[in-house]
Amino acid sequence: MWYNKKMKNLQVFVSAVVFASLIVVLVPSTALAQSVTYKPQTQAEITAYLYGRIAQLLQIKQLLDKGKSWEEAVSLSQVDYATMSTHKAIDVDVTTAVLRGEVNLYGKATAQAWFEYGTDEDFLDQRTNQVSVRSAYDRAVRVAVRSLKADERYYFRMAIVDNNKIVTYGEVYAFRTDEMEE
């Protein structure tokens, strides 16, 4: 009887240890999986995200080649990248328009943004000056373009180059300037 009671206590103890071990193992990995889940919204974001992951893997490989352990290499690899999206033009009139876009910075990334525009969707032959994006406060980019032709359809897209020298282009949008009043 004493033996059966001791065995039952041992079974309860082992069950409790197994249950606690499962909680310790499963809960952090579930939380970790949720915290690193990233869902890009646009093709440009997908591209920038993949470039960022490739850059991180290359950095990890360099650290491994220098003799670092996997854990050290992963913890030391810092990936900085930027994503962007083009928005519709605003304040369009006879000869001017304001081109808009948004830049999102990850890690310690910075970026230079500009717009390419023209009257041929396949040949955007005009380019604005670059705008520096150094923090989340700079993320909204607006550039006024002048000397446009009246009653003309223009196409434009935003482009960025980040501190990793990766160039990303946004979607092409269009606007039409107003007619000249006589």
N, C-alpha and C. Protein backbone atom coordinates (compact mmCIF):
# COMPACT_ATOMS: atom_id res chain seq x y z
N MET A 1 0.82 -1.19 0.00
CA MET A 1 0.00 0.00 0.00
C MET A 1 0.87 1.26 0.00
N TRP A 2 1.85 1.26 0.87
CA TRP A 2 2.78 2.38 0.91
C TRP A 2 3.45 2.55 -0.45
N TYR A 3 3.79 1.45 -1.10
CA TYR A 3 4.44 1.45 -2.41
C TYR A 3 3.51 2.04 -3.47
N ASN A 4 2.22 1.64 -3.48
CA ASN A 4 1.25 2.15 -4.45
C ASN A 4 1.05 3.66 -4.30
N LYS A 5 1.01 4.13 -3.05
CA LYS A 5 0.84 5.57 -2.80
C LYS A 5 2.03 6.36 -3.31
N LYS A 6 3.24 5.80 -3.11
CA LYS A 6 4.45 6.46 -3.57
C LYS A 6 4.50 6.48 -5.10
N MET A 7 4.08 5.40 -5.75
CA MET A 7 4.05 5.33 -7.20
C MET A 7 3.05 6.33 -7.77
N LYS A 8 1.89 6.44 -7.12
CA LYS A 8 0.87 7.38 -7.58
C LYS A 8 1.39 8.81 -7.47
N ASN A 9 2.08 9.15 -6.36
CA ASN A 9 2.67 10.48 -6.19
C ASN A 9 3.73 10.75 -7.25
N LEU A 10 4.53 9.72 -7.56
CA LEU A 10 5.55 9.85 -8.59
C LEU A 10 4.92 10.09 -9.96
N GLN A 11 3.82 9.40 -10.27
CA GLN A 11 3.13 9.59 -11.55
C GLN A 11 2.56 11.01 -11.66
N VAL A 12 1.98 11.50 -10.56
CA VAL A 12 1.45 12.87 -10.55
C VAL A 12 2.59 13.87 -10.75
N PHE A 13 3.71 13.63 -10.06
CA PHE A 13 4.86 14.52 -10.20
C PHE A 13 5.40 14.53 -11.64
N VAL A 14 5.56 13.35 -12.23
CA VAL A 14 6.06 13.24 -13.59
C VAL A 14 5.10 13.92 -14.56
N SER A 15 3.80 13.71 -14.38
CA SER A 15 2.80 14.36 -15.24
C SER A 15 2.90 15.88 -15.14
N ALA A 16 3.07 16.38 -13.92
CA ALA A 16 3.18 17.82 -13.72
C ALA A 16 4.44 18.37 -14.39
N VAL A 17 5.56 17.65 -14.29
CA VAL A 17 6.81 18.08 -14.92
C VAL A 17 6.65 18.10 -16.44
N VAL A 18 6.04 17.05 -17.00
CA VAL A 18 5.83 16.98 -18.45
C VAL A 18 4.94 18.14 -18.89
N PHE A 19 3.85 18.38 -18.17
CA PHE A 19 2.93 19.48 -18.50
C PHE A 19 3.65 20.82 -18.44
N ALA A 20 4.43 21.05 -17.38
CA ALA A 20 5.16 22.31 -17.24
C ALA A 20 6.19 22.46 -18.35
N SER A 21 6.85 21.37 -18.70
CA SER A 21 7.84 21.42 -19.79
C SER A 21 7.20 21.79 -21.11
N LEU A 22 6.03 21.23 -21.37
CA LEU A 22 5.32 21.56 -22.60
C LEU A 22 4.94 23.03 -22.64
N ILE A 23 4.50 23.55 -21.51
CA ILE A 23 4.14 24.98 -21.46
C ILE A 23 5.37 25.84 -21.72
N VAL A 24 6.49 25.50 -21.06
CA VAL A 24 7.71 26.28 -21.23
C VAL A 24 8.21 26.23 -22.68
N VAL A 25 8.09 25.07 -23.31
CA VAL A 25 8.59 24.91 -24.67
C VAL A 25 7.64 25.53 -25.69
N LEU A 26 6.35 25.28 -25.56
CA LEU A 26 5.39 25.71 -26.58
C LEU A 26 5.01 27.18 -26.49
N VAL A 27 4.80 27.69 -25.31
CA VAL A 27 4.34 29.08 -25.18
C VAL A 27 5.35 30.08 -25.72
N PRO A 28 6.64 30.02 -25.35
CA PRO A 28 7.56 31.01 -25.92
C PRO A 28 7.69 30.90 -27.43
N SER A 29 7.69 29.69 -27.99
CA SER A 29 7.83 29.57 -29.43
C SER A 29 6.59 30.09 -30.15
N THR A 30 5.41 29.90 -29.56
CA THR A 30 4.20 30.46 -30.15
C THR A 30 4.25 31.98 -30.09
N ALA A 31 4.66 32.54 -28.96
CA ALA A 31 4.76 33.99 -28.83
C ALA A 31 5.81 34.54 -29.80
N LEU A 32 6.94 33.82 -29.92
CA LEU A 32 7.98 34.26 -30.84
C LEU A 32 7.48 34.24 -32.27
N ALA A 33 6.76 33.19 -32.64
CA ALA A 33 6.25 33.10 -34.00
C ALA A 33 5.28 34.24 -34.29
N GLN A 34 4.50 34.63 -33.31
CA GLN A 34 3.56 35.72 -33.53
C GLN A 34 4.27 37.06 -33.59
N SER A 35 5.35 37.23 -32.83
CA SER A 35 6.00 38.53 -32.80
C SER A 35 6.84 38.81 -34.04
N VAL A 36 7.28 37.78 -34.77
CA VAL A 36 8.08 38.02 -35.96
C VAL A 36 7.28 37.85 -37.24
N THR A 37 5.99 37.60 -37.14
CA THR A 37 5.17 37.46 -38.33
C THR A 37 5.06 38.81 -39.02
N TYR A 38 5.38 38.83 -40.30
CA TYR A 38 5.33 40.06 -41.07
C TYR A 38 4.48 39.80 -42.30
N LYS A 39 3.55 40.67 -42.57
CA LYS A 39 2.66 40.52 -43.72
C LYS A 39 2.80 41.74 -44.62
N PRO A 40 3.66 41.65 -45.63
CA PRO A 40 3.81 42.79 -46.55
C PRO A 40 2.49 43.10 -47.24
N GLN A 41 2.26 44.38 -47.49
CA GLN A 41 1.01 44.82 -48.10
C GLN A 41 1.11 45.02 -49.61
N THR A 42 2.29 45.34 -50.10
CA THR A 42 2.45 45.61 -51.53
C THR A 42 3.64 44.82 -52.06
N GLN A 43 3.74 44.78 -53.38
CA GLN A 43 4.88 44.09 -54.00
C GLN A 43 6.19 44.76 -53.60
N ALA A 44 6.19 46.07 -53.49
CA ALA A 44 7.40 46.78 -53.09
C ALA A 44 7.82 46.39 -51.67
N GLU A 45 6.85 46.24 -50.76
CA GLU A 45 7.16 45.82 -49.41
C GLU A 45 7.68 44.39 -49.38
N ILE A 46 7.09 43.51 -50.18
CA ILE A 46 7.57 42.13 -50.25
C ILE A 46 9.02 42.10 -50.73
N THR A 47 9.30 42.87 -51.77
CA THR A 47 10.65 42.92 -52.31
C THR A 47 11.64 43.44 -51.28
N ALA A 48 11.30 44.54 -50.62
CA ALA A 48 12.19 45.11 -49.61
C ALA A 48 12.38 44.15 -48.44
N TYR A 49 11.31 43.49 -48.03
CA TYR A 49 11.40 42.53 -46.93
C TYR A 49 12.34 41.39 -47.30
N LEU A 50 12.20 40.85 -48.51
CA LEU A 50 13.07 39.74 -48.94
C LEU A 50 14.52 40.19 -49.06
N TYR A 51 14.76 41.40 -49.59
CA TYR A 51 16.12 41.93 -49.64
C TYR A 51 16.70 42.04 -48.22
N GLY A 52 15.87 42.48 -47.30
CA GLY A 52 16.33 42.59 -45.91
C GLY A 52 16.70 41.25 -45.32
N ARG A 53 15.90 40.24 -45.57
CA ARG A 53 16.19 38.90 -45.05
C ARG A 53 17.45 38.33 -45.71
N ILE A 54 17.61 38.55 -47.01
CA ILE A 54 18.81 38.07 -47.70
C ILE A 54 20.05 38.76 -47.13
N ALA A 55 19.96 40.07 -46.90
CA ALA A 55 21.08 40.81 -46.32
C ALA A 55 21.42 40.26 -44.94
N GLN A 56 20.41 39.93 -44.16
CA GLN A 56 20.66 39.38 -42.83
C GLN A 56 21.35 38.02 -42.92
N LEU A 57 20.91 37.16 -43.84
CA LEU A 57 21.54 35.86 -44.00
C LEU A 57 23.00 35.99 -44.45
N LEU A 58 23.27 36.93 -45.34
CA LEU A 58 24.66 37.15 -45.77
C LEU A 58 25.51 37.65 -44.61
N GLN A 59 24.94 38.50 -43.78
CA GLN A 59 25.66 39.00 -42.61
C GLN A 59 25.92 37.86 -41.62
N ILE A 60 24.93 37.00 -41.42
CA ILE A 60 25.11 35.85 -40.53
C ILE A 60 26.21 34.94 -41.06
N LYS A 61 26.23 34.70 -42.38
CA LYS A 61 27.27 33.85 -42.97
C LYS A 61 28.65 34.44 -42.74
N GLN A 62 28.80 35.76 -42.91
CA GLN A 62 30.09 36.39 -42.67
C GLN A 62 30.53 36.20 -41.21
N LEU A 63 29.60 36.34 -40.28
CA LEU A 63 29.94 36.17 -38.87
C LEU A 63 30.30 34.72 -38.56
N LEU A 64 29.60 33.77 -39.18
CA LEU A 64 29.93 32.35 -38.99
C LEU A 64 31.31 32.05 -39.55
N ASP A 65 31.64 32.65 -40.71
CA ASP A 65 32.96 32.46 -41.31
C ASP A 65 34.07 33.02 -40.42
N LYS A 66 33.74 34.00 -39.59
CA LYS A 66 34.73 34.59 -38.67
C LYS A 66 34.81 33.82 -37.36
N GLY A 67 34.08 32.69 -37.28
CA GLY A 67 34.20 31.84 -36.10
C GLY A 67 33.13 32.06 -35.03
N LYS A 68 32.15 32.90 -35.29
CA LYS A 68 31.08 33.12 -34.32
C LYS A 68 30.15 31.91 -34.31
N SER A 69 29.52 31.66 -33.17
CA SER A 69 28.52 30.59 -33.10
C SER A 69 27.24 31.08 -33.77
N TRP A 70 26.35 30.16 -34.08
CA TRP A 70 25.08 30.51 -34.72
C TRP A 70 24.33 31.54 -33.87
N GLU A 71 24.25 31.30 -32.57
CA GLU A 71 23.52 32.21 -31.68
C GLU A 71 24.13 33.61 -31.69
N GLU A 72 25.47 33.68 -31.65
CA GLU A 72 26.14 34.99 -31.68
C GLU A 72 25.89 35.68 -33.02
N ALA A 73 25.99 34.93 -34.11
CA ALA A 73 25.81 35.51 -35.44
C ALA A 73 24.41 36.07 -35.61
N VAL A 74 23.40 35.32 -35.16
CA VAL A 74 22.02 35.79 -35.28
C VAL A 74 21.80 37.03 -34.43
N SER A 75 22.33 37.03 -33.19
CA SER A 75 22.10 38.18 -32.32
C SER A 75 22.86 39.42 -32.80
N LEU A 76 24.00 39.23 -33.47
CA LEU A 76 24.78 40.37 -33.95
C LEU A 76 24.29 40.91 -35.29
N SER A 77 23.52 40.11 -36.01
CA SER A 77 23.08 40.56 -37.34
C SER A 77 21.94 41.56 -37.18
N GLN A 78 22.17 42.75 -37.65
CA GLN A 78 21.17 43.80 -37.58
C GLN A 78 20.78 44.15 -39.00
N VAL A 79 19.52 44.01 -39.32
CA VAL A 79 19.08 44.29 -40.68
C VAL A 79 18.32 45.61 -40.70
N ASP A 80 18.75 46.48 -41.56
CA ASP A 80 18.11 47.76 -41.75
C ASP A 80 17.62 47.82 -43.19
N TYR A 81 16.34 48.11 -43.37
CA TYR A 81 15.81 48.22 -44.73
C TYR A 81 14.62 49.16 -44.72
N ALA A 82 14.22 49.56 -45.93
CA ALA A 82 13.13 50.51 -46.07
C ALA A 82 12.13 49.98 -47.09
N THR A 83 10.85 50.29 -46.88
CA THR A 83 9.82 50.00 -47.86
C THR A 83 9.15 51.33 -48.21
N MET A 84 8.41 51.33 -49.31
CA MET A 84 7.76 52.57 -49.72
C MET A 84 6.52 52.27 -50.52
N SER A 85 5.69 53.28 -50.66
CA SER A 85 4.50 53.17 -51.51
C SER A 85 4.20 54.55 -52.10
N THR A 86 3.75 54.53 -53.34
CA THR A 86 3.35 55.75 -54.03
C THR A 86 1.89 56.02 -53.71
N HIS A 87 1.53 57.29 -53.56
CA HIS A 87 0.14 57.69 -53.33
C HIS A 87 -0.33 58.59 -54.47
N LYS A 88 -1.63 58.84 -54.51
CA LYS A 88 -2.19 59.69 -55.57
C LYS A 88 -1.68 61.12 -55.46
N ALA A 89 -1.55 61.77 -56.60
CA ALA A 89 -1.15 63.17 -56.65
C ALA A 89 -2.30 64.04 -56.11
N ILE A 90 -1.93 65.17 -55.52
CA ILE A 90 -2.93 66.12 -55.01
C ILE A 90 -2.61 67.52 -55.54
N ASP A 91 -3.55 68.43 -55.32
CA ASP A 91 -3.38 69.84 -55.70
C ASP A 91 -2.94 69.99 -57.16
N VAL A 92 -3.58 69.23 -58.03
CA VAL A 92 -3.27 69.28 -59.46
C VAL A 92 -4.00 70.47 -60.06
N ASP A 93 -3.28 71.31 -60.80
CA ASP A 93 -3.93 72.40 -61.53
C ASP A 93 -3.36 72.44 -62.94
N VAL A 94 -3.33 73.59 -63.55
CA VAL A 94 -2.95 73.70 -64.97
C VAL A 94 -1.49 73.30 -65.20
N THR A 95 -0.58 73.76 -64.34
CA THR A 95 0.85 73.51 -64.59
C THR A 95 1.60 72.90 -63.40
N THR A 96 0.90 72.59 -62.31
CA THR A 96 1.59 72.04 -61.14
C THR A 96 0.80 70.86 -60.55
N ALA A 97 1.51 70.06 -59.76
CA ALA A 97 0.89 68.96 -59.02
C ALA A 97 1.82 68.61 -57.85
N VAL A 98 1.25 68.04 -56.80
CA VAL A 98 2.04 67.57 -55.67
C VAL A 98 2.02 66.05 -55.71
N LEU A 99 3.22 65.46 -55.87
CA LEU A 99 3.37 64.01 -55.89
C LEU A 99 3.62 63.53 -54.47
N ARG A 100 2.99 62.40 -54.12
CA ARG A 100 3.05 61.94 -52.72
C ARG A 100 3.46 60.47 -52.64
N GLY A 101 4.09 60.13 -51.52
CA GLY A 101 4.44 58.75 -51.23
C GLY A 101 4.76 58.61 -49.75
N GLU A 102 5.03 57.40 -49.34
CA GLU A 102 5.32 57.12 -47.94
C GLU A 102 6.47 56.13 -47.85
N VAL A 103 7.40 56.39 -46.93
CA VAL A 103 8.56 55.52 -46.72
C VAL A 103 8.48 54.98 -45.29
N ASN A 104 8.67 53.67 -45.14
CA ASN A 104 8.72 53.03 -43.82
C ASN A 104 10.13 52.52 -43.60
N LEU A 105 10.73 52.92 -42.48
CA LEU A 105 12.10 52.53 -42.15
C LEU A 105 12.08 51.44 -41.09
N TYR A 106 12.95 50.46 -41.24
CA TYR A 106 13.07 49.36 -40.28
C TYR A 106 14.51 49.31 -39.79
N GLY A 107 14.66 49.01 -38.50
CA GLY A 107 16.00 49.02 -37.91
C GLY A 107 16.54 50.44 -37.91
N LYS A 108 17.78 50.59 -38.30
CA LYS A 108 18.41 51.91 -38.35
C LYS A 108 18.51 52.42 -39.78
N ALA A 109 17.60 51.99 -40.62
CA ALA A 109 17.64 52.36 -42.04
C ALA A 109 17.37 53.85 -42.23
N THR A 110 17.95 54.35 -43.30
CA THR A 110 17.63 55.68 -43.81
C THR A 110 17.41 55.51 -45.31
N ALA A 111 16.85 56.52 -45.94
CA ALA A 111 16.60 56.39 -47.38
C ALA A 111 16.60 57.77 -48.03
N GLN A 112 16.83 57.76 -49.32
CA GLN A 112 16.66 58.93 -50.16
C GLN A 112 15.49 58.61 -51.08
N ALA A 113 14.53 59.51 -51.16
CA ALA A 113 13.33 59.28 -51.99
C ALA A 113 13.25 60.33 -53.08
N TRP A 114 12.67 59.95 -54.22
CA TRP A 114 12.43 60.87 -55.32
C TRP A 114 11.26 60.35 -56.15
N PHE A 115 10.79 61.16 -57.06
CA PHE A 115 9.73 60.76 -57.97
C PHE A 115 10.24 60.82 -59.40
N GLU A 116 9.82 59.87 -60.19
CA GLU A 116 10.08 59.86 -61.62
C GLU A 116 8.74 60.08 -62.30
N TYR A 117 8.70 60.95 -63.31
CA TYR A 117 7.41 61.25 -63.95
C TYR A 117 7.61 61.60 -65.41
N GLY A 118 6.52 61.56 -66.14
CA GLY A 118 6.55 61.91 -67.56
C GLY A 118 5.20 61.64 -68.20
N THR A 119 5.12 61.89 -69.50
CA THR A 119 3.85 61.72 -70.21
C THR A 119 3.71 60.34 -70.84
N ASP A 120 4.75 59.54 -70.79
CA ASP A 120 4.72 58.17 -71.31
C ASP A 120 4.89 57.22 -70.12
N GLU A 121 3.91 56.38 -69.90
CA GLU A 121 3.93 55.47 -68.75
C GLU A 121 5.16 54.56 -68.73
N ASP A 122 5.67 54.23 -69.90
CA ASP A 122 6.82 53.34 -70.00
C ASP A 122 8.16 54.07 -70.05
N PHE A 123 8.12 55.38 -70.06
CA PHE A 123 9.36 56.16 -70.13
C PHE A 123 9.20 57.40 -69.26
N LEU A 124 9.46 57.26 -67.99
CA LEU A 124 9.34 58.37 -67.04
C LEU A 124 10.67 59.14 -67.08
N ASP A 125 10.70 60.17 -67.91
CA ASP A 125 11.95 60.84 -68.23
C ASP A 125 12.28 62.06 -67.36
N GLN A 126 11.42 62.41 -66.43
CA GLN A 126 11.67 63.53 -65.52
C GLN A 126 11.90 62.97 -64.12
N ARG A 127 12.70 63.70 -63.33
CA ARG A 127 13.01 63.23 -61.98
C ARG A 127 13.08 64.42 -61.04
N THR A 128 12.49 64.28 -59.85
CA THR A 128 12.55 65.34 -58.85
C THR A 128 13.87 65.24 -58.08
N ASN A 129 14.13 66.24 -57.29
CA ASN A 129 15.28 66.18 -56.38
C ASN A 129 15.01 65.12 -55.31
N GLN A 130 16.09 64.61 -54.71
CA GLN A 130 15.96 63.61 -53.66
C GLN A 130 15.58 64.26 -52.33
N VAL A 131 14.81 63.53 -51.55
CA VAL A 131 14.39 63.95 -50.22
C VAL A 131 14.94 62.94 -49.23
N SER A 132 15.60 63.39 -48.17
CA SER A 132 16.14 62.48 -47.16
C SER A 132 15.05 62.03 -46.22
N VAL A 133 15.03 60.72 -45.94
CA VAL A 133 14.10 60.15 -44.96
C VAL A 133 14.97 59.47 -43.91
N ARG A 134 15.01 60.06 -42.72
CA ARG A 134 15.91 59.58 -41.67
C ARG A 134 15.19 59.05 -40.44
N SER A 135 13.88 59.26 -40.35
CA SER A 135 13.14 58.78 -39.18
C SER A 135 11.67 58.61 -39.57
N ALA A 136 10.91 58.03 -38.65
CA ALA A 136 9.48 57.83 -38.89
C ALA A 136 8.76 59.16 -39.09
N TYR A 137 9.32 60.25 -38.56
CA TYR A 137 8.70 61.56 -38.70
C TYR A 137 8.80 62.10 -40.13
N ASP A 138 9.74 61.56 -40.90
CA ASP A 138 9.95 62.01 -42.28
C ASP A 138 9.21 61.15 -43.29
N ARG A 139 8.44 60.18 -42.85
CA ARG A 139 7.93 59.13 -43.74
C ARG A 139 7.01 59.62 -44.86
N ALA A 140 6.26 60.68 -44.64
CA ALA A 140 5.39 61.23 -45.69
C ALA A 140 6.23 62.12 -46.59
N VAL A 141 6.31 61.74 -47.86
CA VAL A 141 7.13 62.50 -48.81
C VAL A 141 6.19 63.17 -49.81
N ARG A 142 6.36 64.50 -49.96
CA ARG A 142 5.58 65.29 -50.92
C ARG A 142 6.53 66.19 -51.68
N VAL A 143 6.38 66.17 -53.00
CA VAL A 143 7.22 67.02 -53.83
C VAL A 143 6.33 67.70 -54.87
N ALA A 144 6.41 69.02 -54.93
CA ALA A 144 5.65 69.77 -55.94
C ALA A 144 6.44 69.78 -57.25
N VAL A 145 5.74 69.50 -58.33
CA VAL A 145 6.36 69.60 -59.67
C VAL A 145 5.67 70.74 -60.40
N ARG A 146 6.48 71.50 -61.13
CA ARG A 146 5.98 72.69 -61.82
C ARG A 146 6.31 72.62 -63.31
N SER A 147 5.84 73.58 -64.03
CA SER A 147 6.09 73.69 -65.47
C SER A 147 5.54 72.50 -66.25
N LEU A 148 4.40 71.98 -65.78
CA LEU A 148 3.74 70.90 -66.52
C LEU A 148 2.91 71.51 -67.65
N LYS A 149 2.60 70.71 -68.63
CA LYS A 149 1.76 71.16 -69.75
C LYS A 149 0.29 71.06 -69.34
N ALA A 150 -0.50 72.01 -69.78
CA ALA A 150 -1.94 72.02 -69.48
C ALA A 150 -2.64 70.87 -70.21
N ASP A 151 -3.67 70.35 -69.58
CA ASP A 151 -4.52 69.30 -70.15
C ASP A 151 -3.69 68.11 -70.68
N GLU A 152 -2.76 67.66 -69.88
CA GLU A 152 -1.87 66.56 -70.26
C GLU A 152 -1.93 65.46 -69.19
N ARG A 153 -1.90 64.23 -69.63
CA ARG A 153 -1.87 63.09 -68.70
C ARG A 153 -0.42 62.80 -68.34
N TYR A 154 -0.12 62.77 -67.03
CA TYR A 154 1.22 62.48 -66.54
C TYR A 154 1.18 61.19 -65.72
N TYR A 155 2.29 60.46 -65.78
CA TYR A 155 2.46 59.24 -65.00
C TYR A 155 3.63 59.47 -64.05
N PHE A 156 3.56 58.85 -62.87
CA PHE A 156 4.65 59.03 -61.91
C PHE A 156 4.74 57.84 -60.98
N ARG A 157 5.91 57.69 -60.38
CA ARG A 157 6.12 56.70 -59.33
C ARG A 157 7.19 57.22 -58.39
N MET A 158 7.13 56.71 -57.18
CA MET A 158 8.14 57.05 -56.19
C MET A 158 9.24 56.00 -56.26
N ALA A 159 10.45 56.41 -55.93
CA ALA A 159 11.59 55.50 -55.85
C ALA A 159 12.40 55.85 -54.62
N ILE A 160 13.06 54.85 -54.04
CA ILE A 160 13.94 55.09 -52.89
C ILE A 160 15.21 54.28 -53.07
N VAL A 161 16.26 54.76 -52.43
CA VAL A 161 17.48 53.98 -52.25
C VAL A 161 17.78 54.03 -50.76
N ASP A 162 17.96 52.85 -50.15
CA ASP A 162 18.21 52.82 -48.71
C ASP A 162 19.70 52.79 -48.43
N ASN A 163 20.06 52.79 -47.15
CA ASN A 163 21.47 52.82 -46.79
C ASN A 163 22.22 51.54 -47.16
N ASN A 164 21.51 50.49 -47.60
CA ASN A 164 22.15 49.28 -48.13
C ASN A 164 22.34 49.38 -49.64
N LYS A 165 22.01 50.53 -50.22
CA LYS A 165 22.11 50.80 -51.67
C LYS A 165 21.11 49.99 -52.48
N ILE A 166 20.01 49.59 -51.85
CA ILE A 166 18.95 48.86 -52.54
C ILE A 166 17.93 49.87 -53.05
N VAL A 167 17.68 49.84 -54.36
CA VAL A 167 16.73 50.76 -54.98
C VAL A 167 15.39 50.03 -55.12
N THR A 168 14.33 50.70 -54.70
CA THR A 168 12.98 50.14 -54.80
C THR A 168 12.09 51.15 -55.52
N TYR A 169 11.27 50.65 -56.45
CA TYR A 169 10.37 51.51 -57.22
C TYR A 169 8.93 51.19 -56.83
N GLY A 170 8.11 52.24 -56.74
CA GLY A 170 6.70 52.07 -56.41
C GLY A 170 5.84 51.86 -57.64
N GLU A 171 4.57 51.72 -57.37
CA GLU A 171 3.60 51.56 -58.46
C GLU A 171 3.46 52.87 -59.23
N VAL A 172 3.08 52.75 -60.49
CA VAL A 172 2.89 53.94 -61.33
C VAL A 172 1.45 54.43 -61.17
N TYR A 173 1.32 55.72 -60.92
CA TYR A 173 0.02 56.39 -60.82
C TYR A 173 -0.07 57.42 -61.95
N ALA A 174 -1.26 57.93 -62.17
CA ALA A 174 -1.45 58.93 -63.22
C ALA A 174 -2.33 60.08 -62.71
N PHE A 175 -2.16 61.24 -63.34
CA PHE A 175 -3.03 62.39 -63.10
C PHE A 175 -3.09 63.20 -64.38
N ARG A 176 -4.10 64.02 -64.50
CA ARG A 176 -4.24 64.91 -65.66
C ARG A 176 -4.27 66.34 -65.16
N THR A 177 -3.44 67.18 -65.79
CA THR A 177 -3.45 68.60 -65.44
C THR A 177 -4.74 69.23 -65.98
N ASP A 178 -5.12 70.34 -65.35
CA ASP A 178 -6.32 71.05 -65.77
C ASP A 178 -6.11 71.73 -67.13
N GLU A 179 -7.23 72.03 -67.75
CA GLU A 179 -7.18 72.77 -69.02
C GLU A 179 -6.87 74.23 -68.75
N MET A 180 -6.20 74.86 -69.70
CA MET A 180 -5.90 76.28 -69.62
C MET A 180 -7.20 77.05 -69.90
N GLU A 181 -7.51 77.99 -69.01
CA GLU A 181 -8.71 78.80 -69.25
C GLU A 181 -8.39 79.92 -70.23
N GLU A 182 -9.30 80.18 -71.13
CA GLU A 182 -9.05 81.23 -72.13
C GLU A 182 -9.73 82.50 -71.78
